[in-house]
């Protein structure tokens, strides 16, 4: 199933997303949600990544489109991600959002980050 992207006025985009318990990562609901997210980001030619609130689900999950992964060992799914380290060097680049179609802006971010979380199978991951 390909879920519809929600628009900028959807409350899920502005609410605090819920953490998922480790035992619930393998639940049918979360498996279905992750698959819906993969299908949705894959169906958007310009979509690089998608967070669960962008399809109306207030959970701490994001997926990366396989079209933009340069290494196959990079996880596509991050559950309960936490940024645990950032570089001091900042970069500014143009970004858009699938929920705010065709609106782009210059965004400043750390050049490098380290993320801690879980993959779709409940395995702990840490990625720089």
N, C-alpha and C. Protein backbone atom coordinates (compact mmCIF):
# COMPACT_ATOMS: atom_id res chain seq x y z
N UNK A 1 0.85 -1.19 0.00
CA UNK A 1 0.00 0.00 0.00
C UNK A 1 0.88 1.24 0.00
N UNK A 2 0.56 2.19 -0.82
CA UNK A 2 1.29 3.45 -0.85
C UNK A 2 0.44 4.49 -0.14
N UNK A 3 0.89 4.93 1.01
CA UNK A 3 0.14 5.91 1.78
C UNK A 3 0.28 7.27 1.16
N UNK A 4 -0.69 8.12 1.45
CA UNK A 4 -0.63 9.49 0.97
C UNK A 4 0.23 10.32 1.90
N UNK A 5 1.01 11.18 1.31
CA UNK A 5 1.78 12.13 2.09
C UNK A 5 0.83 13.16 2.66
N UNK A 6 1.04 13.52 3.92
CA UNK A 6 0.18 14.54 4.52
C UNK A 6 0.74 15.92 4.16
N UNK A 7 -0.13 16.92 4.23
CA UNK A 7 0.29 18.27 3.89
C UNK A 7 0.70 19.05 5.13
N UNK A 8 1.18 20.25 4.92
CA UNK A 8 1.77 21.06 5.98
C UNK A 8 0.84 21.32 7.17
N UNK A 9 -0.47 21.22 6.99
CA UNK A 9 -1.41 21.52 8.08
C UNK A 9 -1.73 20.29 8.94
N UNK A 10 -1.19 19.14 8.60
CA UNK A 10 -1.50 17.93 9.37
C UNK A 10 -0.83 17.99 10.74
N UNK A 11 -1.58 17.74 11.82
CA UNK A 11 -1.02 17.83 13.17
C UNK A 11 0.15 16.87 13.43
N UNK A 12 0.22 15.75 12.71
CA UNK A 12 1.31 14.79 12.91
C UNK A 12 2.67 15.42 12.62
N UNK A 13 2.69 16.42 11.75
CA UNK A 13 3.96 17.06 11.41
C UNK A 13 4.47 17.97 12.51
N UNK A 14 3.62 18.36 13.42
CA UNK A 14 4.01 19.29 14.48
C UNK A 14 3.95 18.68 15.89
N UNK A 15 3.52 17.43 15.97
CA UNK A 15 3.42 16.80 17.29
C UNK A 15 4.72 16.07 17.63
N UNK A 16 4.89 15.79 18.90
CA UNK A 16 6.06 15.05 19.37
C UNK A 16 5.86 13.58 19.03
N UNK A 17 6.76 13.00 18.25
CA UNK A 17 6.62 11.61 17.83
C UNK A 17 6.92 10.65 18.97
N UNK A 18 6.22 9.51 18.96
CA UNK A 18 6.35 8.50 20.02
C UNK A 18 7.51 7.56 19.73
N UNK A 19 8.22 7.21 20.79
CA UNK A 19 9.24 6.18 20.69
C UNK A 19 8.55 4.83 20.62
N UNK A 20 9.17 3.90 19.92
CA UNK A 20 8.61 2.56 19.77
C UNK A 20 9.38 1.62 20.70
N UNK A 21 8.67 0.83 21.48
CA UNK A 21 9.36 -0.11 22.36
C UNK A 21 10.05 -1.17 21.51
N UNK A 22 11.15 -1.69 22.01
CA UNK A 22 11.93 -2.68 21.27
C UNK A 22 11.06 -3.89 20.91
N UNK A 23 10.21 -4.33 21.82
CA UNK A 23 9.38 -5.52 21.54
C UNK A 23 8.33 -5.24 20.47
N UNK A 24 7.96 -3.97 20.26
CA UNK A 24 6.96 -3.64 19.25
C UNK A 24 7.54 -3.44 17.85
N UNK A 25 8.87 -3.40 17.74
CA UNK A 25 9.47 -3.19 16.42
C UNK A 25 9.05 -4.29 15.45
N UNK A 26 8.95 -5.52 15.91
CA UNK A 26 8.56 -6.63 15.04
C UNK A 26 7.07 -6.84 14.90
N UNK A 27 6.26 -5.94 15.47
CA UNK A 27 4.81 -6.10 15.38
C UNK A 27 4.32 -5.89 13.96
N UNK A 28 3.17 -6.47 13.66
CA UNK A 28 2.60 -6.32 12.31
C UNK A 28 2.36 -4.85 11.97
N UNK A 29 1.90 -4.07 12.94
CA UNK A 29 1.64 -2.66 12.68
C UNK A 29 2.91 -1.92 12.26
N UNK A 30 4.00 -2.13 12.97
CA UNK A 30 5.25 -1.43 12.65
C UNK A 30 5.84 -1.97 11.35
N UNK A 31 5.79 -3.28 11.13
CA UNK A 31 6.26 -3.84 9.86
C UNK A 31 5.51 -3.24 8.68
N UNK A 32 4.19 -3.15 8.81
CA UNK A 32 3.36 -2.59 7.74
C UNK A 32 3.68 -1.11 7.53
N UNK A 33 3.85 -0.38 8.64
CA UNK A 33 4.19 1.04 8.55
C UNK A 33 5.52 1.24 7.83
N UNK A 34 6.53 0.46 8.21
CA UNK A 34 7.85 0.58 7.56
C UNK A 34 7.74 0.27 6.08
N UNK A 35 7.01 -0.79 5.72
CA UNK A 35 6.86 -1.11 4.30
C UNK A 35 6.12 -0.01 3.56
N UNK A 36 5.08 0.54 4.16
CA UNK A 36 4.36 1.66 3.54
C UNK A 36 5.29 2.86 3.32
N UNK A 37 6.15 3.11 4.30
CA UNK A 37 7.09 4.23 4.18
C UNK A 37 8.09 3.99 3.05
N UNK A 38 8.61 2.77 2.95
CA UNK A 38 9.53 2.43 1.86
C UNK A 38 8.86 2.59 0.51
N UNK A 39 7.63 2.07 0.40
CA UNK A 39 6.89 2.18 -0.86
C UNK A 39 6.63 3.64 -1.22
N UNK A 40 6.27 4.43 -0.22
CA UNK A 40 5.94 5.83 -0.47
C UNK A 40 7.15 6.62 -0.93
N UNK A 41 8.27 6.49 -0.22
CA UNK A 41 9.47 7.25 -0.62
C UNK A 41 9.98 6.76 -1.97
N UNK A 42 9.84 5.46 -2.24
CA UNK A 42 10.27 4.92 -3.53
C UNK A 42 9.42 5.48 -4.68
N UNK A 43 8.16 5.75 -4.40
CA UNK A 43 7.27 6.24 -5.46
C UNK A 43 7.48 7.72 -5.79
N UNK A 44 8.25 8.42 -4.99
CA UNK A 44 8.53 9.84 -5.21
C UNK A 44 9.90 9.97 -5.86
N UNK A 45 9.94 10.35 -7.12
CA UNK A 45 11.22 10.42 -7.84
C UNK A 45 12.25 11.29 -7.14
N UNK A 46 11.81 12.35 -6.49
CA UNK A 46 12.74 13.28 -5.84
C UNK A 46 12.83 13.06 -4.34
N UNK A 47 12.22 11.99 -3.83
CA UNK A 47 12.25 11.72 -2.39
C UNK A 47 13.53 11.04 -1.97
N UNK A 48 14.23 11.62 -1.01
CA UNK A 48 15.47 11.04 -0.49
C UNK A 48 15.19 10.26 0.79
N UNK A 49 14.36 10.82 1.64
CA UNK A 49 14.03 10.17 2.91
C UNK A 49 12.61 10.56 3.31
N UNK A 50 12.05 9.80 4.24
CA UNK A 50 10.68 10.04 4.68
C UNK A 50 10.58 9.68 6.15
N UNK A 51 9.94 10.55 6.92
CA UNK A 51 9.68 10.29 8.34
C UNK A 51 8.22 9.87 8.50
N UNK A 52 7.96 9.04 9.50
CA UNK A 52 6.61 8.53 9.72
C UNK A 52 5.55 9.64 9.82
N UNK A 53 5.82 10.77 10.49
CA UNK A 53 4.80 11.82 10.54
C UNK A 53 4.37 12.35 9.16
N UNK A 54 5.23 12.18 8.17
CA UNK A 54 4.88 12.66 6.83
C UNK A 54 3.78 11.83 6.17
N UNK A 55 3.48 10.66 6.75
CA UNK A 55 2.33 9.89 6.28
C UNK A 55 1.28 9.78 7.39
N UNK A 56 1.37 10.70 8.35
CA UNK A 56 0.35 10.82 9.38
C UNK A 56 0.52 9.95 10.61
N UNK A 57 1.68 9.32 10.77
CA UNK A 57 1.94 8.45 11.92
C UNK A 57 2.99 9.10 12.82
N UNK A 58 2.64 9.40 14.04
CA UNK A 58 3.55 10.10 14.97
C UNK A 58 4.47 9.12 15.68
N UNK A 59 5.34 8.48 14.91
CA UNK A 59 6.34 7.57 15.45
C UNK A 59 7.73 8.05 15.05
N UNK A 60 8.72 7.67 15.83
CA UNK A 60 10.10 8.05 15.57
C UNK A 60 10.74 7.02 14.63
N UNK A 61 10.43 7.16 13.36
CA UNK A 61 10.97 6.28 12.31
C UNK A 61 11.26 7.15 11.09
N UNK A 62 12.40 6.88 10.44
CA UNK A 62 12.59 7.44 9.10
C UNK A 62 13.22 6.38 8.21
N UNK A 63 12.96 6.50 6.92
CA UNK A 63 13.53 5.59 5.93
C UNK A 63 14.26 6.42 4.88
N UNK A 64 15.28 5.81 4.31
CA UNK A 64 16.05 6.44 3.24
C UNK A 64 15.76 5.67 1.96
N UNK A 65 15.54 6.39 0.87
CA UNK A 65 15.31 5.75 -0.42
C UNK A 65 16.57 5.03 -0.88
N UNK A 66 16.40 3.80 -1.34
CA UNK A 66 17.56 3.05 -1.82
C UNK A 66 18.18 3.71 -3.05
N UNK A 67 17.44 4.56 -3.73
CA UNK A 67 17.96 5.24 -4.92
C UNK A 67 19.11 6.18 -4.57
N UNK A 68 19.20 6.60 -3.32
CA UNK A 68 20.21 7.58 -2.93
C UNK A 68 21.30 6.99 -2.03
N UNK A 69 21.25 5.70 -1.79
CA UNK A 69 22.29 5.08 -0.97
C UNK A 69 23.49 4.73 -1.84
N UNK A 70 24.66 5.15 -1.41
CA UNK A 70 25.86 4.86 -2.17
C UNK A 70 26.51 3.56 -1.73
N UNK A 71 26.21 3.11 -0.52
CA UNK A 71 26.76 1.86 0.00
C UNK A 71 25.61 0.96 0.44
N UNK A 72 25.67 -0.28 0.08
CA UNK A 72 24.59 -1.21 0.41
C UNK A 72 24.55 -1.59 1.88
N UNK A 73 25.62 -1.33 2.64
CA UNK A 73 25.63 -1.70 4.05
C UNK A 73 25.02 -0.62 4.95
N UNK A 74 24.50 0.43 4.37
CA UNK A 74 23.85 1.49 5.14
C UNK A 74 22.39 1.07 5.37
N UNK A 75 21.95 1.07 6.62
CA UNK A 75 20.55 0.72 6.87
C UNK A 75 19.60 1.71 6.20
N UNK A 76 18.49 1.21 5.72
CA UNK A 76 17.46 2.06 5.10
C UNK A 76 16.46 2.54 6.12
N UNK A 77 16.33 1.85 7.25
CA UNK A 77 15.30 2.16 8.24
C UNK A 77 15.96 2.49 9.57
N UNK A 78 15.52 3.59 10.17
CA UNK A 78 16.02 4.01 11.48
C UNK A 78 14.81 4.18 12.41
N UNK A 79 14.79 3.39 13.47
CA UNK A 79 13.71 3.45 14.46
C UNK A 79 14.28 4.02 15.76
N UNK A 80 13.56 4.96 16.33
CA UNK A 80 14.00 5.66 17.55
C UNK A 80 15.38 6.29 17.36
N UNK A 81 15.61 6.97 16.24
CA UNK A 81 16.94 7.54 16.02
C UNK A 81 17.25 8.68 16.99
N UNK A 82 18.50 8.72 17.40
CA UNK A 82 18.98 9.81 18.25
C UNK A 82 20.31 10.28 17.68
N UNK A 83 20.44 11.58 17.51
CA UNK A 83 21.72 12.13 17.11
C UNK A 83 22.59 12.20 18.36
N UNK A 84 23.70 11.47 18.34
CA UNK A 84 24.54 11.43 19.53
C UNK A 84 25.82 12.25 19.38
N UNK A 85 26.15 12.64 18.16
CA UNK A 85 27.33 13.47 17.96
C UNK A 85 27.18 14.23 16.65
N UNK A 86 27.64 15.47 16.64
CA UNK A 86 27.66 16.28 15.41
C UNK A 86 29.02 16.91 15.25
N UNK A 87 29.39 17.13 14.02
CA UNK A 87 30.65 17.83 13.75
C UNK A 87 30.45 19.33 13.96
N UNK A 88 31.52 20.03 14.24
CA UNK A 88 31.44 21.48 14.40
C UNK A 88 31.27 22.16 13.06
N UNK A 89 31.80 21.54 12.00
CA UNK A 89 31.71 22.14 10.67
C UNK A 89 30.27 22.08 10.18
N UNK A 90 29.78 23.19 9.69
CA UNK A 90 28.41 23.29 9.20
C UNK A 90 28.42 23.47 7.69
N UNK A 91 27.38 22.96 7.06
CA UNK A 91 27.19 23.18 5.63
C UNK A 91 25.78 23.69 5.39
N UNK A 92 25.62 24.45 4.35
CA UNK A 92 24.30 24.95 3.97
C UNK A 92 24.01 24.44 2.58
N UNK A 93 22.84 23.86 2.42
CA UNK A 93 22.44 23.36 1.10
C UNK A 93 20.94 23.46 0.96
N UNK A 94 20.49 23.37 -0.27
CA UNK A 94 19.06 23.47 -0.54
C UNK A 94 18.39 22.14 -0.21
N UNK A 95 17.25 22.23 0.48
CA UNK A 95 16.48 21.04 0.82
C UNK A 95 15.01 21.31 0.56
N UNK A 96 14.30 20.23 0.37
CA UNK A 96 12.85 20.29 0.24
C UNK A 96 12.22 19.27 1.17
N UNK A 97 10.90 19.19 1.15
CA UNK A 97 10.18 18.25 2.00
C UNK A 97 9.02 17.70 1.18
N UNK A 98 8.84 16.39 1.23
CA UNK A 98 7.75 15.78 0.47
C UNK A 98 6.37 16.22 0.95
N UNK A 99 6.27 16.69 2.19
CA UNK A 99 4.98 17.19 2.69
C UNK A 99 4.76 18.67 2.37
N UNK A 100 5.78 19.32 1.89
CA UNK A 100 5.69 20.73 1.47
C UNK A 100 6.19 20.80 0.03
N UNK A 101 5.47 20.13 -0.84
CA UNK A 101 5.92 19.95 -2.22
C UNK A 101 6.32 21.25 -2.88
N UNK A 102 7.46 21.15 -3.55
CA UNK A 102 8.02 22.19 -4.40
C UNK A 102 8.42 23.46 -3.64
N UNK A 103 8.53 23.35 -2.33
CA UNK A 103 9.04 24.45 -1.52
C UNK A 103 10.44 24.04 -1.07
N UNK A 104 11.43 24.85 -1.45
CA UNK A 104 12.81 24.55 -1.12
C UNK A 104 13.42 25.73 -0.38
N UNK A 105 14.42 25.44 0.43
CA UNK A 105 15.10 26.50 1.16
C UNK A 105 16.51 26.07 1.51
N UNK A 106 17.33 27.04 1.82
CA UNK A 106 18.71 26.79 2.24
C UNK A 106 18.69 26.43 3.73
N UNK A 107 19.24 25.28 4.05
CA UNK A 107 19.23 24.77 5.42
C UNK A 107 20.67 24.55 5.88
N UNK A 108 21.00 25.05 7.06
CA UNK A 108 22.32 24.83 7.65
C UNK A 108 22.27 23.63 8.58
N UNK A 109 23.21 22.73 8.39
CA UNK A 109 23.28 21.53 9.23
C UNK A 109 24.74 21.19 9.50
N UNK A 110 24.95 20.33 10.50
CA UNK A 110 26.28 19.81 10.75
C UNK A 110 26.71 18.98 9.54
N UNK A 111 27.99 19.07 9.19
CA UNK A 111 28.47 18.32 8.04
C UNK A 111 28.39 16.80 8.28
N UNK A 112 28.65 16.39 9.53
CA UNK A 112 28.62 14.97 9.87
C UNK A 112 27.84 14.78 11.16
N UNK A 113 27.12 13.67 11.24
CA UNK A 113 26.41 13.31 12.47
C UNK A 113 26.60 11.82 12.72
N UNK A 114 26.42 11.43 13.97
CA UNK A 114 26.38 10.02 14.33
C UNK A 114 25.00 9.76 14.91
N UNK A 115 24.34 8.73 14.38
CA UNK A 115 22.98 8.39 14.78
C UNK A 115 22.99 7.02 15.46
N UNK A 116 22.24 6.94 16.53
CA UNK A 116 22.06 5.71 17.29
C UNK A 116 20.58 5.33 17.16
N UNK A 117 20.27 4.07 17.00
CA UNK A 117 18.87 3.64 16.91
C UNK A 117 18.78 2.16 16.64
N UNK A 118 17.70 1.77 15.98
CA UNK A 118 17.43 0.37 15.67
C UNK A 118 17.01 0.24 14.21
N UNK A 119 17.34 -0.90 13.61
CA UNK A 119 16.86 -1.16 12.26
C UNK A 119 15.49 -1.81 12.32
N UNK A 120 14.96 -2.16 11.19
CA UNK A 120 13.60 -2.71 11.14
C UNK A 120 13.48 -4.10 11.75
N UNK A 121 14.61 -4.74 12.04
CA UNK A 121 14.61 -6.05 12.69
C UNK A 121 14.89 -5.97 14.18
N UNK A 122 15.00 -4.74 14.69
CA UNK A 122 15.25 -4.55 16.12
C UNK A 122 16.70 -4.62 16.51
N UNK A 123 17.61 -4.66 15.54
CA UNK A 123 19.04 -4.67 15.84
C UNK A 123 19.53 -3.25 16.09
N UNK A 124 20.36 -3.11 17.11
CA UNK A 124 20.95 -1.81 17.43
C UNK A 124 21.88 -1.39 16.30
N UNK A 125 21.77 -0.13 15.90
CA UNK A 125 22.67 0.41 14.86
C UNK A 125 23.23 1.73 15.32
N UNK A 126 24.44 1.99 14.92
CA UNK A 126 25.07 3.30 15.12
C UNK A 126 25.77 3.60 13.81
N UNK A 127 25.42 4.74 13.24
CA UNK A 127 25.92 5.08 11.91
C UNK A 127 26.42 6.50 11.91
N UNK A 128 27.61 6.69 11.34
CA UNK A 128 28.18 8.04 11.20
C UNK A 128 28.00 8.55 9.81
